[in-house]
Amino acid sequence: DVNELTQLAWQNAMQTRKIHKVIMD
């Protein structure tokens, strides 16, 4: 699950050209 979340954030960061933050509470 953490890998999938990080991979999706990575893809979104490159597609949207925005910095993404993976947060763990």
PDB file of all heavy atoms in Angstrom:
ATOM      1  N   ASP A   1       0.823  -1.215   0.000  1.00  0.00           N
ATOM      2  CA  ASP A   1       0.000   0.000   0.000  1.00  0.00           C
ATOM      3  C   ASP A   1       0.854   1.262   0.000  1.00  0.00           C
ATOM      4  O   ASP A   1       0.571   2.208  -0.741  1.00  0.00           O
ATOM      5  CB  ASP A   1      -0.934   0.013   1.209  1.00  0.00           C
ATOM      6  CG  ASP A   1      -2.064  -0.993   1.102  1.00  0.00           C
ATOM      7  OD1 ASP A   1      -2.268  -1.555   0.003  1.00  0.00           O
ATOM      8  OD2 ASP A   1      -2.738  -1.226   2.123  1.00  0.00           O
ATOM      9  N   VAL A   2       1.906   1.288   0.822  1.00  0.00           N
ATOM     10  CA  VAL A   2       2.782   2.463   0.875  1.00  0.00           C
ATOM     11  C   VAL A   2       3.520   2.622  -0.453  1.00  0.00           C
ATOM     12  O   VAL A   2       3.684   3.739  -0.958  1.00  0.00           O
ATOM     13  CB  VAL A   2       3.765   2.367   2.068  1.00  0.00           C
ATOM     14  CG1 VAL A   2       4.854   3.416   1.979  1.00  0.00           C
ATOM     15  CG2 VAL A   2       3.006   2.505   3.380  1.00  0.00           C
ATOM     16  N   ASN A   3       3.929   1.529  -1.033  1.00  0.00           N
ATOM     17  CA  ASN A   3       4.592   1.580  -2.342  1.00  0.00           C
ATOM     18  C   ASN A   3       3.651   2.112  -3.414  1.00  0.00           C
ATOM     19  O   ASN A   3       4.029   2.940  -4.239  1.00  0.00           O
ATOM     20  CB  ASN A   3       5.105   0.196  -2.735  1.00  0.00           C
ATOM     21  CG  ASN A   3       6.597   0.170  -2.897  1.00  0.00           C
ATOM     22  OD1 ASN A   3       7.260   1.196  -2.968  1.00  0.00           O
ATOM     23  ND2 ASN A   3       7.138  -1.020  -2.954  1.00  0.00           N
ATOM     24  N   GLU A   4       2.432   1.630  -3.418  1.00  0.00           N
ATOM     25  CA  GLU A   4       1.450   2.082  -4.404  1.00  0.00           C
ATOM     26  C   GLU A   4       1.163   3.572  -4.238  1.00  0.00           C
ATOM     27  O   GLU A   4       1.101   4.320  -5.217  1.00  0.00           O
ATOM     28  CB  GLU A   4       0.165   1.271  -4.247  1.00  0.00           C
ATOM     29  CG  GLU A   4      -0.891   1.608  -5.265  1.00  0.00           C
ATOM     30  CD  GLU A   4      -2.148   0.762  -5.102  1.00  0.00           C
ATOM     31  OE1 GLU A   4      -2.075  -0.342  -4.533  1.00  0.00           O
ATOM     32  OE2 GLU A   4      -3.207   1.222  -5.550  1.00  0.00           O
ATOM     33  N   LEU A   5       1.015   4.015  -3.001  1.00  0.00           N
ATOM     34  CA  LEU A   5       0.768   5.423  -2.724  1.00  0.00           C
ATOM     35  C   LEU A   5       1.935   6.290  -3.198  1.00  0.00           C
ATOM     36  O   LEU A   5       1.745   7.312  -3.855  1.00  0.00           O
ATOM     37  CB  LEU A   5       0.551   5.614  -1.218  1.00  0.00           C
ATOM     38  CG  LEU A   5       0.169   7.003  -0.759  1.00  0.00           C
ATOM     39  CD1 LEU A   5      -1.276   7.288  -1.121  1.00  0.00           C
ATOM     40  CD2 LEU A   5       0.353   7.113   0.744  1.00  0.00           C
ATOM     41  N   THR A   6       3.151   5.859  -2.917  1.00  0.00           N
ATOM     42  CA  THR A   6       4.342   6.617  -3.316  1.00  0.00           C
ATOM     43  C   THR A   6       4.492   6.637  -4.831  1.00  0.00           C
ATOM     44  O   THR A   6       4.827   7.674  -5.415  1.00  0.00           O
ATOM     45  CB  THR A   6       5.594   6.009  -2.656  1.00  0.00           C
ATOM     46  OG1 THR A   6       5.392   5.994  -1.236  1.00  0.00           O
ATOM     47  CG2 THR A   6       6.830   6.812  -2.961  1.00  0.00           C
ATOM     48  N   GLN A   7       4.228   5.524  -5.478  1.00  0.00           N
ATOM     49  CA  GLN A   7       4.323   5.476  -6.944  1.00  0.00           C
ATOM     50  C   GLN A   7       3.302   6.405  -7.599  1.00  0.00           C
ATOM     51  O   GLN A   7       3.619   7.094  -8.566  1.00  0.00           O
ATOM     52  CB  GLN A   7       4.108   4.043  -7.443  1.00  0.00           C
ATOM     53  CG  GLN A   7       5.311   3.155  -7.287  1.00  0.00           C
ATOM     54  CD  GLN A   7       6.384   3.525  -8.272  1.00  0.00           C
ATOM     55  OE1 GLN A   7       6.209   3.467  -9.471  1.00  0.00           O
ATOM     56  NE2 GLN A   7       7.521   3.944  -7.751  1.00  0.00           N
ATOM     57  N   LEU A   8       2.091   6.431  -7.061  1.00  0.00           N
ATOM     58  CA  LEU A   8       1.073   7.306  -7.617  1.00  0.00           C
ATOM     59  C   LEU A   8       1.437   8.772  -7.404  1.00  0.00           C
ATOM     60  O   LEU A   8       1.252   9.602  -8.298  1.00  0.00           O
ATOM     61  CB  LEU A   8      -0.281   6.976  -6.996  1.00  0.00           C
ATOM     62  CG  LEU A   8      -1.517   7.252  -7.811  1.00  0.00           C
ATOM     63  CD1 LEU A   8      -1.385   6.789  -9.252  1.00  0.00           C
ATOM     64  CD2 LEU A   8      -2.727   6.598  -7.182  1.00  0.00           C
ATOM     65  N   ALA A   9       1.981   9.098  -6.238  1.00  0.00           N
ATOM     66  CA  ALA A   9       2.433  10.468  -5.973  1.00  0.00           C
ATOM     67  C   ALA A   9       3.562  10.850  -6.926  1.00  0.00           C
ATOM     68  O   ALA A   9       3.619  11.977  -7.434  1.00  0.00           O
ATOM     69  CB  ALA A   9       2.895  10.588  -4.526  1.00  0.00           C
ATOM     70  N   TRP A  10       4.452   9.924  -7.185  1.00  0.00           N
ATOM     71  CA  TRP A  10       5.586  10.145  -8.090  1.00  0.00           C
ATOM     72  C   TRP A  10       5.081  10.441  -9.505  1.00  0.00           C
ATOM     73  O   TRP A  10       5.523  11.390 -10.152  1.00  0.00           O
ATOM     74  CB  TRP A  10       6.471   8.901  -8.055  1.00  0.00           C
ATOM     75  CG  TRP A  10       7.707   8.915  -8.862  1.00  0.00           C
ATOM     76  CD1 TRP A  10       8.776   9.758  -8.728  1.00  0.00           C
ATOM     77  CD2 TRP A  10       8.055   8.007  -9.917  1.00  0.00           C
ATOM     78  NE1 TRP A  10       9.757   9.417  -9.633  1.00  0.00           N
ATOM     79  CE2 TRP A  10       9.340   8.346 -10.372  1.00  0.00           C
ATOM     80  CE3 TRP A  10       7.408   6.930 -10.505  1.00  0.00           C
ATOM     81  CZ2 TRP A  10       9.983   7.662 -11.397  1.00  0.00           C
ATOM     82  CZ3 TRP A  10       8.053   6.235 -11.508  1.00  0.00           C
ATOM     83  CH2 TRP A  10       9.322   6.611 -11.953  1.00  0.00           C
ATOM     84  N   GLN A  11       4.138   9.635  -9.963  1.00  0.00           N
ATOM     85  CA  GLN A  11       3.574   9.851 -11.297  1.00  0.00           C
ATOM     86  C   GLN A  11       2.843  11.185 -11.378  1.00  0.00           C
ATOM     87  O   GLN A  11       2.992  11.923 -12.350  1.00  0.00           O
ATOM     88  CB  GLN A  11       2.619   8.708 -11.652  1.00  0.00           C
ATOM     89  CG  GLN A  11       3.310   7.400 -11.887  1.00  0.00           C
ATOM     90  CD  GLN A  11       2.339   6.244 -12.031  1.00  0.00           C
ATOM     91  OE1 GLN A  11       1.128   6.404 -11.907  1.00  0.00           O
ATOM     92  NE2 GLN A  11       2.876   5.052 -12.279  1.00  0.00           N
ATOM     93  N   ASN A  12       2.052  11.506 -10.344  1.00  0.00           N
ATOM     94  CA  ASN A  12       1.316  12.776 -10.340  1.00  0.00           C
ATOM     95  C   ASN A  12       2.257  13.967 -10.299  1.00  0.00           C
ATOM     96  O   ASN A  12       1.992  14.991 -10.928  1.00  0.00           O
ATOM     97  CB  ASN A  12       0.344  12.833  -9.167  1.00  0.00           C
ATOM     98  CG  ASN A  12      -0.946  12.107  -9.441  1.00  0.00           C
ATOM     99  OD1 ASN A  12      -1.201  11.675 -10.555  1.00  0.00           O
ATOM    100  ND2 ASN A  12      -1.757  11.958  -8.423  1.00  0.00           N
ATOM    101  N   ALA A  13       3.343  13.862  -9.546  1.00  0.00           N
ATOM    102  CA  ALA A  13       4.304  14.963  -9.462  1.00  0.00           C
ATOM    103  C   ALA A  13       4.903  15.250 -10.829  1.00  0.00           C
ATOM    104  O   ALA A  13       5.060  16.411 -11.223  1.00  0.00           O
ATOM    105  CB  ALA A  13       5.400  14.637  -8.452  1.00  0.00           C
ATOM    106  N   MET A  14       5.228  14.214 -11.562  1.00  0.00           N
ATOM    107  CA  MET A  14       5.824  14.415 -12.881  1.00  0.00           C
ATOM    108  C   MET A  14       4.783  14.892 -13.906  1.00  0.00           C
ATOM    109  O   MET A  14       5.102  15.703 -14.768  1.00  0.00           O
ATOM    110  CB  MET A  14       6.506  13.129 -13.355  1.00  0.00           C
ATOM    111  CG  MET A  14       7.768  12.836 -12.554  1.00  0.00           C
ATOM    112  SD  MET A  14       8.786  11.509 -13.211  1.00  0.00           S
ATOM    113  CE  MET A  14       7.714  10.114 -13.121  1.00  0.00           C
ATOM    114  N   GLN A  15       3.549  14.413 -13.800  1.00  0.00           N
ATOM    115  CA  GLN A  15       2.523  14.814 -14.763  1.00  0.00           C
ATOM    116  C   GLN A  15       2.046  16.243 -14.528  1.00  0.00           C
ATOM    117  O   GLN A  15       1.860  16.999 -15.475  1.00  0.00           O
ATOM    118  CB  GLN A  15       1.320  13.868 -14.686  1.00  0.00           C
ATOM    119  CG  GLN A  15       1.585  12.524 -15.294  1.00  0.00           C
ATOM    120  CD  GLN A  15       0.414  11.576 -15.090  1.00  0.00           C
ATOM    121  OE1 GLN A  15      -0.516  11.848 -14.350  1.00  0.00           O
ATOM    122  NE2 GLN A  15       0.491  10.422 -15.759  1.00  0.00           N
ATOM    123  N   THR A  16       1.848  16.619 -13.266  1.00  0.00           N
ATOM    124  CA  THR A  16       1.312  17.951 -12.962  1.00  0.00           C
ATOM    125  C   THR A  16       2.405  18.997 -12.803  1.00  0.00           C
ATOM    126  O   THR A  16       2.101  20.179 -12.714  1.00  0.00           O
ATOM    127  CB  THR A  16       0.483  17.911 -11.662  1.00  0.00           C
ATOM    128  OG1 THR A  16       1.334  17.541 -10.568  1.00  0.00           O
ATOM    129  CG2 THR A  16      -0.684  16.953 -11.777  1.00  0.00           C
ATOM    130  N   ARG A  17       3.656  18.535 -12.728  1.00  0.00           N
ATOM    131  CA  ARG A  17       4.807  19.431 -12.510  1.00  0.00           C
ATOM    132  C   ARG A  17       4.687  20.197 -11.196  1.00  0.00           C
ATOM    133  O   ARG A  17       5.060  21.353 -11.081  1.00  0.00           O
ATOM    134  CB  ARG A  17       4.986  20.400 -13.688  1.00  0.00           C
ATOM    135  CG  ARG A  17       5.080  19.759 -15.059  1.00  0.00           C
ATOM    136  CD  ARG A  17       6.202  18.792 -15.253  1.00  0.00           C
ATOM    137  NE  ARG A  17       7.505  19.405 -15.037  1.00  0.00           N
ATOM    138  CZ  ARG A  17       8.597  18.718 -14.720  1.00  0.00           C
ATOM    139  NH1 ARG A  17       8.543  17.416 -14.599  1.00  0.00           N
ATOM    140  NH2 ARG A  17       9.738  19.311 -14.531  1.00  0.00           N
ATOM    141  N   LYS A  18       4.132  19.519 -10.170  1.00  0.00           N
ATOM    142  CA  LYS A  18       3.979  20.101  -8.840  1.00  0.00           C
ATOM    143  C   LYS A  18       4.668  19.199  -7.820  1.00  0.00           C
ATOM    144  O   LYS A  18       4.709  17.981  -7.980  1.00  0.00           O
ATOM    145  CB  LYS A  18       2.506  20.242  -8.466  1.00  0.00           C
ATOM    146  CG  LYS A  18       1.756  21.224  -9.332  1.00  0.00           C
ATOM    147  CD  LYS A  18       0.317  21.316  -8.903  1.00  0.00           C
ATOM    148  CE  LYS A  18      -0.435  22.295  -9.791  1.00  0.00           C
ATOM    149  NZ  LYS A  18      -1.832  22.413  -9.380  1.00  0.00           N
ATOM    150  N   ILE A  19       5.168  19.816  -6.768  1.00  0.00           N
ATOM    151  CA  ILE A  19       5.766  19.055  -5.672  1.00  0.00           C
ATOM    152  C   ILE A  19       4.645  18.337  -4.926  1.00  0.00           C
ATOM    153  O   ILE A  19       3.608  18.927  -4.631  1.00  0.00           O
ATOM    154  CB  ILE A  19       6.540  19.984  -4.720  1.00  0.00           C
ATOM    155  CG1 ILE A  19       7.689  20.659  -5.461  1.00  0.00           C
ATOM    156  CG2 ILE A  19       7.038  19.210  -3.508  1.00  0.00           C
ATOM    157  CD1 ILE A  19       8.382  21.750  -4.660  1.00  0.00           C
ATOM    158  N   HIS A  20       4.872  17.065  -4.622  1.00  0.00           N
ATOM    159  CA  HIS A  20       3.904  16.280  -3.862  1.00  0.00           C
ATOM    160  C   HIS A  20       4.517  15.869  -2.532  1.00  0.00           C
ATOM    161  O   HIS A  20       5.725  15.669  -2.433  1.00  0.00           O
ATOM    162  CB  HIS A  20       3.458  15.058  -4.658  1.00  0.00           C
ATOM    163  CG  HIS A  20       2.438  15.373  -5.690  1.00  0.00           C
ATOM    164  ND1 HIS A  20       2.672  16.238  -6.738  1.00  0.00           N
ATOM    165  CD2 HIS A  20       1.164  14.945  -5.835  1.00  0.00           C
ATOM    166  CE1 HIS A  20       1.593  16.335  -7.477  1.00  0.00           C
ATOM    167  NE2 HIS A  20       0.661  15.548  -6.956  1.00  0.00           N
ATOM    168  N   LYS A  21       3.655  15.737  -1.561  1.00  0.00           N
ATOM    169  CA  LYS A  21       4.063  15.425  -0.190  1.00  0.00           C
ATOM    170  C   LYS A  21       3.333  14.151   0.241  1.00  0.00           C
ATOM    171  O   LYS A  21       2.101  14.090   0.179  1.00  0.00           O
ATOM    172  CB  LYS A  21       3.662  16.609   0.678  1.00  0.00           C
ATOM    173  CG  LYS A  21       3.997  16.547   2.115  1.00  0.00           C
ATOM    174  CD  LYS A  21       3.573  17.891   2.727  1.00  0.00           C
ATOM    175  CE  LYS A  21       3.706  17.934   4.191  1.00  0.00           C
ATOM    176  NZ  LYS A  21       3.274  19.225   4.738  1.00  0.00           N
ATOM    177  N   VAL A  22       4.095  13.131   0.627  1.00  0.00           N
ATOM    178  CA  VAL A  22       3.521  11.899   1.157  1.00  0.00           C
ATOM    179  C   VAL A  22       3.543  12.034   2.677  1.00  0.00           C
ATOM    180  O   VAL A  22       4.607  12.165   3.283  1.00  0.00           O
ATOM    181  CB  VAL A  22       4.314  10.651   0.707  1.00  0.00           C
ATOM    182  CG1 VAL A  22       3.713   9.393   1.307  1.00  0.00           C
ATOM    183  CG2 VAL A  22       4.344  10.560  -0.812  1.00  0.00           C
ATOM    184  N   ILE A  23       2.362  12.039   3.281  1.00  0.00           N
ATOM    185  CA  ILE A  23       2.211  12.300   4.714  1.00  0.00           C
ATOM    186  C   ILE A  23       1.809  11.012   5.420  1.00  0.00           C
ATOM    187  O   ILE A  23       0.928  10.293   4.951  1.00  0.00           O
ATOM    188  CB  ILE A  23       1.133  13.371   4.951  1.00  0.00           C
ATOM    189  CG1 ILE A  23       1.483  14.642   4.187  1.00  0.00           C
ATOM    190  CG2 ILE A  23       0.949  13.648   6.433  1.00  0.00           C
ATOM    191  CD1 ILE A  23       0.350  15.621   4.073  1.00  0.00           C
ATOM    192  N   MET A  24       2.438  10.773   6.585  1.00  0.00           N
ATOM    193  CA  MET A  24       2.069   9.636   7.422  1.00  0.00           C
ATOM    194  C   MET A  24       1.694  10.166   8.799  1.00  0.00           C
ATOM    195  O   MET A  24       2.512  10.801   9.461  1.00  0.00           O
ATOM    196  CB  MET A  24       3.210   8.637   7.526  1.00  0.00           C
ATOM    197  CG  MET A  24       3.597   8.031   6.208  1.00  0.00           C
ATOM    198  SD  MET A  24       4.769   6.701   6.419  1.00  0.00           S
ATOM    199  CE  MET A  24       3.939   5.439   5.508  1.00  0.00           C
ATOM    200  N   ASP A  25       0.468   9.902   9.204  1.00  0.00           N
ATOM    201  CA  ASP A  25      -0.025  10.297  10.525  1.00  0.00           C
ATOM    202  C   ASP A  25       0.025   9.062  11.411  1.00  0.00           C
ATOM    203  O   ASP A  25      -0.727   8.105  11.196  1.00  0.00           O
ATOM    204  CB  ASP A  25      -1.451  10.839  10.397  1.00  0.00           C
ATOM    205  CG  ASP A  25      -1.993  11.390  11.701  1.00  0.00           C
ATOM    206  OD1 ASP A  25      -1.716  10.801  12.765  1.00  0.00           O
ATOM    207  OD2 ASP A  25      -2.699  12.414  11.644  1.00  0.00           O
TER     208      ASP A  25
END
